[in-house]
Amino acid sequence: MDPLTIQHSVRAFVLDSFFSDSDGSEVRDDDDLLLALNSLQVLRMVIELESRYGITIDNNDLTPENLGSIERIRDYLDRRLN
């Protein structure tokens, strides 16, 4: 799957699920999601990523380096899917 497609898909999910329209317009792809989301929202995001991309995210992969921003999620998913 194309990394740009992944990025757009992840961004759309994050904005639609966790931010109001006015807040979402200010979210950048390199913003720290772990500061913006609470633990239940992060769990919900992980479940959605697993479902949408047919993967299992191991506990060892639940790190800021993999899930800390839309860009980092894109890179993580690109590695996992290719």
PDB file of N, CA and C in Angstrom:
ATOM      1  N   MET A   1       0.848  -1.180   0.000  1.00  0.00           N
ATOM      2  CA  MET A   1       0.000   0.000   0.000  1.00  0.00           C
ATOM      3  C   MET A   1       0.896   1.247   0.000  1.00  0.00           C
ATOM      4  N   ASP A   2       0.496   2.237  -0.726  1.00  0.00           N
ATOM      5  CA  ASP A   2       1.234   3.484  -0.870  1.00  0.00           C
ATOM      6  C   ASP A   2       1.294   4.254   0.457  1.00  0.00           C
ATOM      7  N   PRO A   3       2.493   4.698   0.889  1.00  0.00           N
ATOM      8  CA  PRO A   3       2.612   5.440   2.156  1.00  0.00           C
ATOM      9  C   PRO A   3       1.731   6.691   2.222  1.00  0.00           C
ATOM     10  N   LEU A   4       1.568   7.378   1.127  1.00  0.00           N
ATOM     11  CA  LEU A   4       0.739   8.588   1.131  1.00  0.00           C
ATOM     12  C   LEU A   4      -0.735   8.235   1.355  1.00  0.00           C
ATOM     13  N   THR A   5      -1.177   7.136   0.779  1.00  0.00           N
ATOM     14  CA  THR A   5      -2.541   6.667   0.999  1.00  0.00           C
ATOM     15  C   THR A   5      -2.748   6.297   2.462  1.00  0.00           C
ATOM     16  N   ILE A   6      -1.766   5.616   3.040  1.00  0.00           N
ATOM     17  CA  ILE A   6      -1.824   5.264   4.460  1.00  0.00           C
ATOM     18  C   ILE A   6      -1.922   6.531   5.299  1.00  0.00           C
ATOM     19  N   GLN A   7      -1.083   7.507   5.001  1.00  0.00           N
ATOM     20  CA  GLN A   7      -1.058   8.752   5.772  1.00  0.00           C
ATOM     21  C   GLN A   7      -2.407   9.456   5.709  1.00  0.00           C
ATOM     22  N   HIS A   8      -2.996   9.548   4.533  1.00  0.00           N
ATOM     23  CA  HIS A   8      -4.295  10.212   4.389  1.00  0.00           C
ATOM     24  C   HIS A   8      -5.385   9.452   5.148  1.00  0.00           C
ATOM     25  N   SER A   9      -5.330   8.139   5.087  1.00  0.00           N
ATOM     26  CA  SER A   9      -6.320   7.317   5.770  1.00  0.00           C
ATOM     27  C   SER A   9      -6.210   7.452   7.288  1.00  0.00           C
ATOM     28  N   VAL A  10      -4.993   7.397   7.793  1.00  0.00           N
ATOM     29  CA  VAL A  10      -4.766   7.540   9.240  1.00  0.00           C
ATOM     30  C   VAL A  10      -5.178   8.938   9.692  1.00  0.00           C
ATOM     31  N   ARG A  11      -4.800   9.936   8.933  1.00  0.00           N
ATOM     32  CA  ARG A  11      -5.153  11.312   9.289  1.00  0.00           C
ATOM     33  C   ARG A  11      -6.674  11.476   9.353  1.00  0.00           C
ATOM     34  N   ALA A  12      -7.365  10.968   8.345  1.00  0.00           N
ATOM     35  CA  ALA A  12      -8.827  11.091   8.316  1.00  0.00           C
ATOM     36  C   ALA A  12      -9.446  10.410   9.531  1.00  0.00           C
ATOM     37  N   PHE A  13      -8.976   9.207   9.870  1.00  0.00           N
ATOM     38  CA  PHE A  13      -9.513   8.508  11.036  1.00  0.00           C
ATOM     39  C   PHE A  13      -9.257   9.297  12.319  1.00  0.00           C
ATOM     40  N   VAL A  14      -8.033   9.744  12.507  1.00  0.00           N
ATOM     41  CA  VAL A  14      -7.676  10.472  13.733  1.00  0.00           C
ATOM     42  C   VAL A  14      -8.503  11.748  13.863  1.00  0.00           C
ATOM     43  N   LEU A  15      -8.595  12.517  12.809  1.00  0.00           N
ATOM     44  CA  LEU A  15      -9.341  13.774  12.869  1.00  0.00           C
ATOM     45  C   LEU A  15     -10.825  13.535  13.083  1.00  0.00           C
ATOM     46  N   ASP A  16     -11.390  12.590  12.348  1.00  0.00           N
ATOM     47  CA  ASP A  16     -12.830  12.316  12.468  1.00  0.00           C
ATOM     48  C   ASP A  16     -13.195  11.750  13.835  1.00  0.00           C
ATOM     49  N   SER A  17     -12.292  10.975  14.409  1.00  0.00           N
ATOM     50  CA  SER A  17     -12.594  10.272  15.660  1.00  0.00           C
ATOM     51  C   SER A  17     -12.300  11.070  16.921  1.00  0.00           C
ATOM     52  N   PHE A  18     -11.282  11.921  16.876  1.00  0.00           N
ATOM     53  CA  PHE A  18     -10.786  12.495  18.127  1.00  0.00           C
ATOM     54  C   PHE A  18     -10.744  14.019  18.194  1.00  0.00           C
ATOM     55  N   PHE A  19     -11.013  14.693  17.101  1.00  0.00           N
ATOM     56  CA  PHE A  19     -10.923  16.149  17.094  1.00  0.00           C
ATOM     57  C   PHE A  19     -12.188  16.764  16.513  1.00  0.00           C
ATOM     58  N   SER A  20     -12.554  17.904  17.052  1.00  0.00           N
ATOM     59  CA  SER A  20     -13.665  18.644  16.459  1.00  0.00           C
ATOM     60  C   SER A  20     -13.187  19.272  15.156  1.00  0.00           C
ATOM     61  N   ASP A  21     -14.120  19.734  14.351  1.00  0.00           N
ATOM     62  CA  ASP A  21     -13.758  20.344  13.069  1.00  0.00           C
ATOM     63  C   ASP A  21     -12.779  21.492  13.246  1.00  0.00           C
ATOM     64  N   SER A  22     -13.003  22.327  14.247  1.00  0.00           N
ATOM     65  CA  SER A  22     -12.121  23.476  14.439  1.00  0.00           C
ATOM     66  C   SER A  22     -10.748  23.051  14.951  1.00  0.00           C
ATOM     67  N   ASP A  23     -10.685  22.058  15.828  1.00  0.00           N
ATOM     68  CA  ASP A  23      -9.399  21.574  16.326  1.00  0.00           C
ATOM     69  C   ASP A  23      -8.629  20.824  15.253  1.00  0.00           C
ATOM     70  N   GLY A  24      -9.335  20.053  14.460  1.00  0.00           N
ATOM     71  CA  GLY A  24      -8.705  19.215  13.454  1.00  0.00           C
ATOM     72  C   GLY A  24      -7.952  19.974  12.391  1.00  0.00           C
ATOM     73  N   SER A  25      -8.403  21.159  12.084  1.00  0.00           N
ATOM     74  CA  SER A  25      -7.724  21.941  11.043  1.00  0.00           C
ATOM     75  C   SER A  25      -6.334  22.382  11.473  1.00  0.00           C
ATOM     76  N   GLU A  26      -6.054  22.329  12.764  1.00  0.00           N
ATOM     77  CA  GLU A  26      -4.758  22.754  13.264  1.00  0.00           C
ATOM     78  C   GLU A  26      -3.813  21.590  13.550  1.00  0.00           C
ATOM     79  N   VAL A  27      -4.271  20.373  13.377  1.00  0.00           N
ATOM     80  CA  VAL A  27      -3.438  19.196  13.636  1.00  0.00           C
ATOM     81  C   VAL A  27      -2.525  18.963  12.440  1.00  0.00           C
ATOM     82  N   ARG A  28      -1.226  18.921  12.729  1.00  0.00           N
ATOM     83  CA  ARG A  28      -0.234  18.639  11.689  1.00  0.00           C
ATOM     84  C   ARG A  28       0.142  17.160  11.758  1.00  0.00           C
ATOM     85  N   ASP A  29       0.655  16.635  10.674  1.00  0.00           N
ATOM     86  CA  ASP A  29       0.996  15.219  10.622  1.00  0.00           C
ATOM     87  C   ASP A  29       2.174  14.851  11.517  1.00  0.00           C
ATOM     88  N   ASP A  30       2.940  15.845  11.963  1.00  0.00           N
ATOM     89  CA  ASP A  30       4.058  15.548  12.867  1.00  0.00           C
ATOM     90  C   ASP A  30       3.762  15.932  14.321  1.00  0.00           C
ATOM     91  N   ASP A  31       2.528  16.336  14.606  1.00  0.00           N
ATOM     92  CA  ASP A  31       2.135  16.647  15.990  1.00  0.00           C
ATOM     93  C   ASP A  31       2.135  15.381  16.836  1.00  0.00           C
ATOM     94  N   ASP A  32       2.475  15.536  18.105  1.00  0.00           N
ATOM     95  CA  ASP A  32       2.539  14.422  19.040  1.00  0.00           C
ATOM     96  C   ASP A  32       1.134  14.002  19.455  1.00  0.00           C
ATOM     97  N   LEU A  33       0.672  12.895  18.911  1.00  0.00           N
ATOM     98  CA  LEU A  33      -0.668  12.402  19.231  1.00  0.00           C
ATOM     99  C   LEU A  33      -0.769  11.914  20.666  1.00  0.00           C
ATOM    100  N   LEU A  34       0.340  11.467  21.227  1.00  0.00           N
ATOM    101  CA  LEU A  34       0.300  10.927  22.580  1.00  0.00           C
ATOM    102  C   LEU A  34       0.104  12.021  23.619  1.00  0.00           C
ATOM    103  N   LEU A  35       0.339  13.261  23.246  1.00  0.00           N
ATOM    104  CA  LEU A  35       0.016  14.389  24.123  1.00  0.00           C
ATOM    105  C   LEU A  35      -1.432  14.836  23.935  1.00  0.00           C
ATOM    106  N   ALA A  36      -1.972  14.587  22.757  1.00  0.00           N
ATOM    107  CA  ALA A  36      -3.323  15.060  22.430  1.00  0.00           C
ATOM    108  C   ALA A  36      -4.415  14.047  22.772  1.00  0.00           C
ATOM    109  N   LEU A  37      -4.065  12.763  22.788  1.00  0.00           N
ATOM    110  CA  LEU A  37      -5.063  11.712  23.000  1.00  0.00           C
ATOM    111  C   LEU A  37      -4.902  11.096  24.384  1.00  0.00           C
ATOM    112  N   ASN A  38      -6.015  10.663  24.969  1.00  0.00           N
ATOM    113  CA  ASN A  38      -5.920   9.949  26.239  1.00  0.00           C
ATOM    114  C   ASN A  38      -5.696   8.460  25.950  1.00  0.00           C
ATOM    115  N   SER A  39      -5.492   7.680  26.990  1.00  0.00           N
ATOM    116  CA  SER A  39      -5.136   6.267  26.807  1.00  0.00           C
ATOM    117  C   SER A  39      -6.241   5.466  26.115  1.00  0.00           C
ATOM    118  N   LEU A  40      -7.489   5.768  26.400  1.00  0.00           N
ATOM    119  CA  LEU A  40      -8.579   5.054  25.730  1.00  0.00           C
ATOM    120  C   LEU A  40      -8.641   5.399  24.246  1.00  0.00           C
ATOM    121  N   GLN A  41      -8.342   6.639  23.906  1.00  0.00           N
ATOM    122  CA  GLN A  41      -8.326   7.029  22.500  1.00  0.00           C
ATOM    123  C   GLN A  41      -7.171   6.345  21.766  1.00  0.00           C
ATOM    124  N   VAL A  42      -6.034   6.222  22.421  1.00  0.00           N
ATOM    125  CA  VAL A  42      -4.907   5.516  21.810  1.00  0.00           C
ATOM    126  C   VAL A  42      -5.265   4.056  21.590  1.00  0.00           C
ATOM    127  N   LEU A  43      -5.896   3.431  22.577  1.00  0.00           N
ATOM    128  CA  LEU A  43      -6.332   2.040  22.434  1.00  0.00           C
ATOM    129  C   LEU A  43      -7.311   1.894  21.279  1.00  0.00           C
ATOM    130  N   ARG A  44      -8.257   2.795  21.188  1.00  0.00           N
ATOM    131  CA  ARG A  44      -9.221   2.774  20.084  1.00  0.00           C
ATOM    132  C   ARG A  44      -8.515   2.911  18.734  1.00  0.00           C
ATOM    133  N   MET A  45      -7.497   3.770  18.671  1.00  0.00           N
ATOM    134  CA  MET A  45      -6.741   3.958  17.443  1.00  0.00           C
ATOM    135  C   MET A  45      -6.006   2.671  17.073  1.00  0.00           C
ATOM    136  N   VAL A  46      -5.389   2.028  18.062  1.00  0.00           N
ATOM    137  CA  VAL A  46      -4.663   0.785  17.807  1.00  0.00           C
ATOM    138  C   VAL A  46      -5.614  -0.291  17.281  1.00  0.00           C
ATOM    139  N   ILE A  47      -6.773  -0.421  17.897  1.00  0.00           N
ATOM    140  CA  ILE A  47      -7.759  -1.408  17.449  1.00  0.00           C
ATOM    141  C   ILE A  47      -8.184  -1.124  16.009  1.00  0.00           C
ATOM    142  N   GLU A  48      -8.399   0.143  15.696  1.00  0.00           N
ATOM    143  CA  GLU A  48      -8.792   0.520  14.328  1.00  0.00           C
ATOM    144  C   GLU A  48      -7.675   0.202  13.341  1.00  0.00           C
ATOM    145  N   LEU A  49      -6.436   0.505  13.689  1.00  0.00           N
ATOM    146  CA  LEU A  49      -5.318   0.223  12.793  1.00  0.00           C
ATOM    147  C   LEU A  49      -5.195  -1.277  12.543  1.00  0.00           C
ATOM    148  N   GLU A  50      -5.334  -2.066  13.603  1.00  0.00           N
ATOM    149  CA  GLU A  50      -5.258  -3.518  13.449  1.00  0.00           C
ATOM    150  C   GLU A  50      -6.360  -4.027  12.536  1.00  0.00           C
ATOM    151  N   SER A  51      -7.560  -3.538  12.737  1.00  0.00           N
ATOM    152  CA  SER A  51      -8.697  -3.967  11.932  1.00  0.00           C
ATOM    153  C   SER A  51      -8.564  -3.514  10.482  1.00  0.00           C
ATOM    154  N   ARG A  52      -8.232  -2.273  10.300  1.00  0.00           N
ATOM    155  CA  ARG A  52      -8.177  -1.692   8.957  1.00  0.00           C
ATOM    156  C   ARG A  52      -7.064  -2.297   8.109  1.00  0.00           C
ATOM    157  N   TYR A  53      -5.917  -2.601   8.724  1.00  0.00           N
ATOM    158  CA  TYR A  53      -4.759  -3.062   7.961  1.00  0.00           C
ATOM    159  C   TYR A  53      -4.466  -4.545   8.144  1.00  0.00           C
ATOM    160  N   GLY A  54      -5.303  -5.262   8.894  1.00  0.00           N
ATOM    161  CA  GLY A  54      -5.148  -6.699   9.037  1.00  0.00           C
ATOM    162  C   GLY A  54      -3.856  -7.113   9.716  1.00  0.00           C
ATOM    163  N   ILE A  55      -3.449  -6.356  10.721  1.00  0.00           N
ATOM    164  CA  ILE A  55      -2.222  -6.655  11.449  1.00  0.00           C
ATOM    165  C   ILE A  55      -2.531  -6.767  12.938  1.00  0.00           C
ATOM    166  N   THR A  56      -1.565  -7.277  13.678  1.00  0.00           N
ATOM    167  CA  THR A  56      -1.615  -7.251  15.127  1.00  0.00           C
ATOM    168  C   THR A  56      -0.443  -6.394  15.587  1.00  0.00           C
ATOM    169  N   ILE A  57      -0.724  -5.391  16.370  1.00  0.00           N
ATOM    170  CA  ILE A  57       0.330  -4.521  16.886  1.00  0.00           C
ATOM    171  C   ILE A  57       0.766  -5.087  18.232  1.00  0.00           C
ATOM    172  N   ASP A  58       1.995  -5.586  18.286  1.00  0.00           N
ATOM    173  CA  ASP A  58       2.537  -6.173  19.508  1.00  0.00           C
ATOM    174  C   ASP A  58       2.739  -5.103  20.570  1.00  0.00           C
ATOM    175  N   ASN A  59       2.674  -5.529  21.821  1.00  0.00           N
ATOM    176  CA  ASN A  59       2.902  -4.595  22.927  1.00  0.00           C
ATOM    177  C   ASN A  59       4.244  -3.886  22.796  1.00  0.00           C
ATOM    178  N   ASN A  60       5.260  -4.587  22.299  1.00  0.00           N
ATOM    179  CA  ASN A  60       6.587  -3.982  22.120  1.00  0.00           C
ATOM    180  C   ASN A  60       6.581  -2.866  21.086  1.00  0.00           C
ATOM    181  N   ASP A  61       5.575  -2.856  20.208  1.00  0.00           N
ATOM    182  CA  ASP A  61       5.477  -1.831  19.163  1.00  0.00           C
ATOM    183  C   ASP A  61       4.666  -0.609  19.598  1.00  0.00           C
ATOM    184  N   LEU A  62       4.097  -0.659  20.791  1.00  0.00           N
ATOM    185  CA  LEU A  62       3.305   0.467  21.298  1.00  0.00           C
ATOM    186  C   LEU A  62       4.238   1.519  21.892  1.00  0.00           C
ATOM    187  N   THR A  63       4.943   2.196  21.004  1.00  0.00           N
ATOM    188  CA  THR A  63       5.936   3.187  21.412  1.00  0.00           C
ATOM    189  C   THR A  63       5.680   4.520  20.715  1.00  0.00           C
ATOM    190  N   PRO A  64       6.182   5.600  21.278  1.00  0.00           N
ATOM    191  CA  PRO A  64       6.065   6.892  20.598  1.00  0.00           C
ATOM    192  C   PRO A  64       6.738   6.895  19.225  1.00  0.00           C
ATOM    193  N   GLU A  65       7.785   6.091  19.072  1.00  0.00           N
ATOM    194  CA  GLU A  65       8.471   6.019  17.788  1.00  0.00           C
ATOM    195  C   GLU A  65       7.580   5.431  16.702  1.00  0.00           C
ATOM    196  N   ASN A  66       6.644   4.578  17.086  1.00  0.00           N
ATOM    197  CA  ASN A  66       5.744   3.953  16.107  1.00  0.00           C
ATOM    198  C   ASN A  66       4.384   4.625  16.017  1.00  0.00           C
ATOM    199  N   LEU A  67       3.891   5.164  17.127  1.00  0.00           N
ATOM    200  CA  LEU A  67       2.512   5.660  17.164  1.00  0.00           C
ATOM    201  C   LEU A  67       2.395   7.111  17.617  1.00  0.00           C
ATOM    202  N   GLY A  68       3.502   7.819  17.679  1.00  0.00           N
ATOM    203  CA  GLY A  68       3.501   9.152  18.250  1.00  0.00           C
ATOM    204  C   GLY A  68       2.948  10.262  17.378  1.00  0.00           C
ATOM    205  N   SER A  69       2.825  10.021  16.101  1.00  0.00           N
ATOM    206  CA  SER A  69       2.280  11.046  15.201  1.00  0.00           C
ATOM    207  C   SER A  69       1.703  10.341  13.977  1.00  0.00           C
ATOM    208  N   ILE A  70       0.982  11.074  13.188  1.00  0.00           N
ATOM    209  CA  ILE A  70       0.431  10.513  11.958  1.00  0.00           C
ATOM    210  C   ILE A  70       1.566  10.047  11.053  1.00  0.00           C
ATOM    211  N   GLU A  71       2.634  10.820  10.963  1.00  0.00           N
ATOM    212  CA  GLU A  71       3.784  10.436  10.137  1.00  0.00           C
ATOM    213  C   GLU A  71       4.440   9.160  10.658  1.00  0.00           C
ATOM    214  N   ARG A  72       4.588   9.059  11.977  1.00  0.00           N
ATOM    215  CA  ARG A  72       5.214   7.864  12.553  1.00  0.00           C
ATOM    216  C   ARG A  72       4.337   6.633  12.369  1.00  0.00           C
ATOM    217  N   ILE A  73       3.039   6.806  12.469  1.00  0.00           N
ATOM    218  CA  ILE A  73       2.123   5.690  12.211  1.00  0.00           C
ATOM    219  C   ILE A  73       2.247   5.256  10.753  1.00  0.00           C
ATOM    220  N   ARG A  74       2.298   6.222   9.856  1.00  0.00           N
ATOM    221  CA  ARG A  74       2.477   5.917   8.424  1.00  0.00           C
ATOM    222  C   ARG A  74       3.741   5.093   8.213  1.00  0.00           C
ATOM    223  N   ASP A  75       4.852   5.517   8.812  1.00  0.00           N
ATOM    224  CA  ASP A  75       6.117   4.802   8.646  1.00  0.00           C
ATOM    225  C   ASP A  75       6.046   3.399   9.241  1.00  0.00           C
ATOM    226  N   TYR A  76       5.439   3.284  10.413  1.00  0.00           N
ATOM    227  CA  TYR A  76       5.289   1.977  11.057  1.00  0.00           C
ATOM    228  C   TYR A  76       4.454   1.039  10.186  1.00  0.00           C
ATOM    229  N   LEU A  77       3.322   1.523   9.713  1.00  0.00           N
ATOM    230  CA  LEU A  77       2.457   0.691   8.885  1.00  0.00           C
ATOM    231  C   LEU A  77       3.135   0.339   7.567  1.00  0.00           C
ATOM    232  N   ASP A  78       3.883   1.271   7.002  1.00  0.00           N
ATOM    233  CA  ASP A  78       4.598   0.996   5.757  1.00  0.00           C
ATOM    234  C   ASP A  78       5.603  -0.139   5.967  1.00  0.00           C
ATOM    235  N   ARG A  79       6.308  -0.111   7.091  1.00  0.00           N
ATOM    236  CA  ARG A  79       7.245  -1.198   7.395  1.00  0.00           C
ATOM    237  C   ARG A  79       6.520  -2.527   7.574  1.00  0.00           C
ATOM    238  N   ARG A  80       5.416  -2.502   8.272  1.00  0.00           N
ATOM    239  CA  ARG A  80       4.674  -3.735   8.559  1.00  0.00           C
ATOM    240  C   ARG A  80       4.005  -4.320   7.323  1.00  0.00           C
ATOM    241  N   LEU A  81       3.556  -3.472   6.421  1.00  0.00           N
ATOM    242  CA  LEU A  81       2.785  -3.936   5.270  1.00  0.00           C
ATOM    243  C   LEU A  81       3.665  -4.268   4.061  1.00  0.00           C
ATOM    244  N   ASN A  82       4.899  -3.852   4.074  1.00  0.00           N
ATOM    245  CA  ASN A  82       5.787  -4.092   2.906  1.00  0.00           C
ATOM    246  C   ASN A  82       6.972  -4.941   3.254  1.00  0.00           C
TER     247      ASN A  82
END
